[in-house]
Amino acid sequence: MKANEKDYQKYSDAIDRIQEGNEAMIELFNELEKDNPVIGFNGEVMKSISQAKEKYGEDVIDQKINTVVAEMLSWLDLTDLS
């Protein structure tokens, strides 16, 4: 393929931008951390939570779950861990 100086420069610039994009993607990938859930809900509970969020909204269900979990944790003596 023949190219004049202008075309050559366009291709060169495009390759440089592709390379920069690849480097940015590699950097983002290397910075990823594994997301370990705090609570390991089983499949049936996850299904129920999803259905409840669909019906009542995410914020309402998140608030209710947080209230219940906070109450359950208040039953435990965690003072010696701070």
C-alpha atoms as a PDB file:
ATOM      1  CA  MET A   1       0.000   0.000   0.000  1.00  0.00           C
ATOM      2  CA  LYS A   2       1.412   3.345  -0.997  1.00  0.00           C
ATOM      3  CA  ALA A   3       0.968   6.383   1.210  1.00  0.00           C
ATOM      4  CA  ASN A   4       2.027   9.965   1.065  1.00  0.00           C
ATOM      5  CA  GLU A   5       3.546  11.756   4.045  1.00  0.00           C
ATOM      6  CA  LYS A   6       0.116  12.980   5.264  1.00  0.00           C
ATOM      7  CA  ASP A   7      -1.396   9.470   5.150  1.00  0.00           C
ATOM      8  CA  TYR A   8       1.686   8.011   6.800  1.00  0.00           C
ATOM      9  CA  GLN A   9       1.380  10.505   9.654  1.00  0.00           C
ATOM     10  CA  LYS A  10      -2.352   9.732  10.092  1.00  0.00           C
ATOM     11  CA  TYR A  11      -1.619   6.014  10.403  1.00  0.00           C
ATOM     12  CA  SER A  12       1.274   6.643  12.735  1.00  0.00           C
ATOM     13  CA  ASP A  13      -0.896   8.841  14.975  1.00  0.00           C
ATOM     14  CA  ALA A  14      -3.685   6.246  14.951  1.00  0.00           C
ATOM     15  CA  ILE A  15      -1.259   3.502  15.965  1.00  0.00           C
ATOM     16  CA  ASP A  16       0.053   5.706  18.768  1.00  0.00           C
ATOM     17  CA  ARG A  17      -3.503   6.271  20.069  1.00  0.00           C
ATOM     18  CA  ILE A  18      -4.262   2.546  19.888  1.00  0.00           C
ATOM     19  CA  GLN A  19      -1.064   1.803  21.812  1.00  0.00           C
ATOM     20  CA  GLU A  20      -1.967   4.403  24.461  1.00  0.00           C
ATOM     21  CA  GLY A  21      -5.418   2.820  24.784  1.00  0.00           C
ATOM     22  CA  ASN A  22      -3.897  -0.637  25.167  1.00  0.00           C
ATOM     23  CA  GLU A  23      -1.532   0.620  27.856  1.00  0.00           C
ATOM     24  CA  ALA A  24      -4.419   2.274  29.706  1.00  0.00           C
ATOM     25  CA  MET A  25      -6.457  -0.949  29.570  1.00  0.00           C
ATOM     26  CA  ILE A  26      -3.517  -3.001  30.851  1.00  0.00           C
ATOM     27  CA  GLU A  27      -3.012  -0.527  33.693  1.00  0.00           C
ATOM     28  CA  LEU A  28      -6.695  -0.715  34.638  1.00  0.00           C
ATOM     29  CA  PHE A  29      -6.595  -4.514  34.501  1.00  0.00           C
ATOM     30  CA  ASN A  30      -3.520  -4.648  36.729  1.00  0.00           C
ATOM     31  CA  GLU A  31      -5.255  -2.428  39.298  1.00  0.00           C
ATOM     32  CA  LEU A  32      -8.336  -4.660  39.563  1.00  0.00           C
ATOM     33  CA  GLU A  33      -8.983  -6.186  42.948  1.00  0.00           C
ATOM     34  CA  LYS A  34     -11.072  -9.245  43.620  1.00  0.00           C
ATOM     35  CA  ASP A  35     -14.467  -8.326  45.034  1.00  0.00           C
ATOM     36  CA  ASN A  36     -15.105 -10.579  48.014  1.00  0.00           C
ATOM     37  CA  PRO A  37     -18.697 -10.265  49.234  1.00  0.00           C
ATOM     38  CA  VAL A  38     -19.102  -9.480  52.930  1.00  0.00           C
ATOM     39  CA  ILE A  39     -22.029 -11.880  53.228  1.00  0.00           C
ATOM     40  CA  GLY A  40     -22.260 -15.114  51.251  1.00  0.00           C
ATOM     41  CA  PHE A  41     -25.964 -15.355  50.491  1.00  0.00           C
ATOM     42  CA  ASN A  42     -27.109 -18.652  49.008  1.00  0.00           C
ATOM     43  CA  GLY A  43     -28.783 -18.800  45.602  1.00  0.00           C
ATOM     44  CA  GLU A  44     -32.360 -18.816  46.876  1.00  0.00           C
ATOM     45  CA  VAL A  45     -31.769 -15.774  49.105  1.00  0.00           C
ATOM     46  CA  MET A  46     -30.072 -13.922  46.224  1.00  0.00           C
ATOM     47  CA  LYS A  47     -33.073 -14.687  44.006  1.00  0.00           C
ATOM     48  CA  SER A  48     -35.466 -13.369  46.658  1.00  0.00           C
ATOM     49  CA  ILE A  49     -33.392 -10.224  47.162  1.00  0.00           C
ATOM     50  CA  SER A  50     -33.363  -9.570  43.410  1.00  0.00           C
ATOM     51  CA  GLN A  51     -37.121 -10.043  43.196  1.00  0.00           C
ATOM     52  CA  ALA A  52     -37.714  -7.783  46.197  1.00  0.00           C
ATOM     53  CA  LYS A  53     -35.483  -5.065  44.732  1.00  0.00           C
ATOM     54  CA  GLU A  54     -37.344  -5.313  41.455  1.00  0.00           C
ATOM     55  CA  LYS A  55     -40.687  -4.944  43.210  1.00  0.00           C
ATOM     56  CA  TYR A  56     -39.891  -2.431  45.977  1.00  0.00           C
ATOM     57  CA  GLY A  57     -36.740  -0.713  44.740  1.00  0.00           C
ATOM     58  CA  GLU A  58     -33.091  -1.144  45.556  1.00  0.00           C
ATOM     59  CA  ASP A  59     -32.884   1.544  48.248  1.00  0.00           C
ATOM     60  CA  VAL A  60     -35.840   0.185  50.240  1.00  0.00           C
ATOM     61  CA  ILE A  61     -34.535  -3.378  50.275  1.00  0.00           C
ATOM     62  CA  ASP A  62     -30.943  -2.310  51.035  1.00  0.00           C
ATOM     63  CA  GLN A  63     -32.223  -0.297  53.992  1.00  0.00           C
ATOM     64  CA  LYS A  64     -34.303  -3.209  55.305  1.00  0.00           C
ATOM     65  CA  ILE A  65     -31.435  -5.685  54.967  1.00  0.00           C
ATOM     66  CA  ASN A  66     -29.070  -3.258  56.719  1.00  0.00           C
ATOM     67  CA  THR A  67     -31.574  -2.802  59.563  1.00  0.00           C
ATOM     68  CA  VAL A  68     -31.990  -6.553  60.073  1.00  0.00           C
ATOM     69  CA  VAL A  69     -28.242  -7.275  59.889  1.00  0.00           C
ATOM     70  CA  ALA A  70     -27.434  -4.416  62.285  1.00  0.00           C
ATOM     71  CA  GLU A  71     -29.974  -5.789  64.772  1.00  0.00           C
ATOM     72  CA  MET A  72     -28.530  -9.304  64.507  1.00  0.00           C
ATOM     73  CA  LEU A  73     -24.984  -8.003  65.001  1.00  0.00           C
ATOM     74  CA  SER A  74     -26.078  -6.068  68.090  1.00  0.00           C
ATOM     75  CA  TRP A  75     -26.732  -9.435  69.753  1.00  0.00           C
ATOM     76  CA  LEU A  76     -23.013 -10.268  69.552  1.00  0.00           C
ATOM     77  CA  ASP A  77     -20.319  -9.049  71.924  1.00  0.00           C
ATOM     78  CA  LEU A  78     -17.867  -7.325  69.594  1.00  0.00           C
ATOM     79  CA  THR A  79     -16.368  -4.875  72.101  1.00  0.00           C
ATOM     80  CA  ASP A  80     -13.097  -6.785  72.489  1.00  0.00           C
ATOM     81  CA  LEU A  81     -12.320  -6.480  68.767  1.00  0.00           C
ATOM     82  CA  SER A  82     -11.998  -2.691  68.474  1.00  0.00           C
END
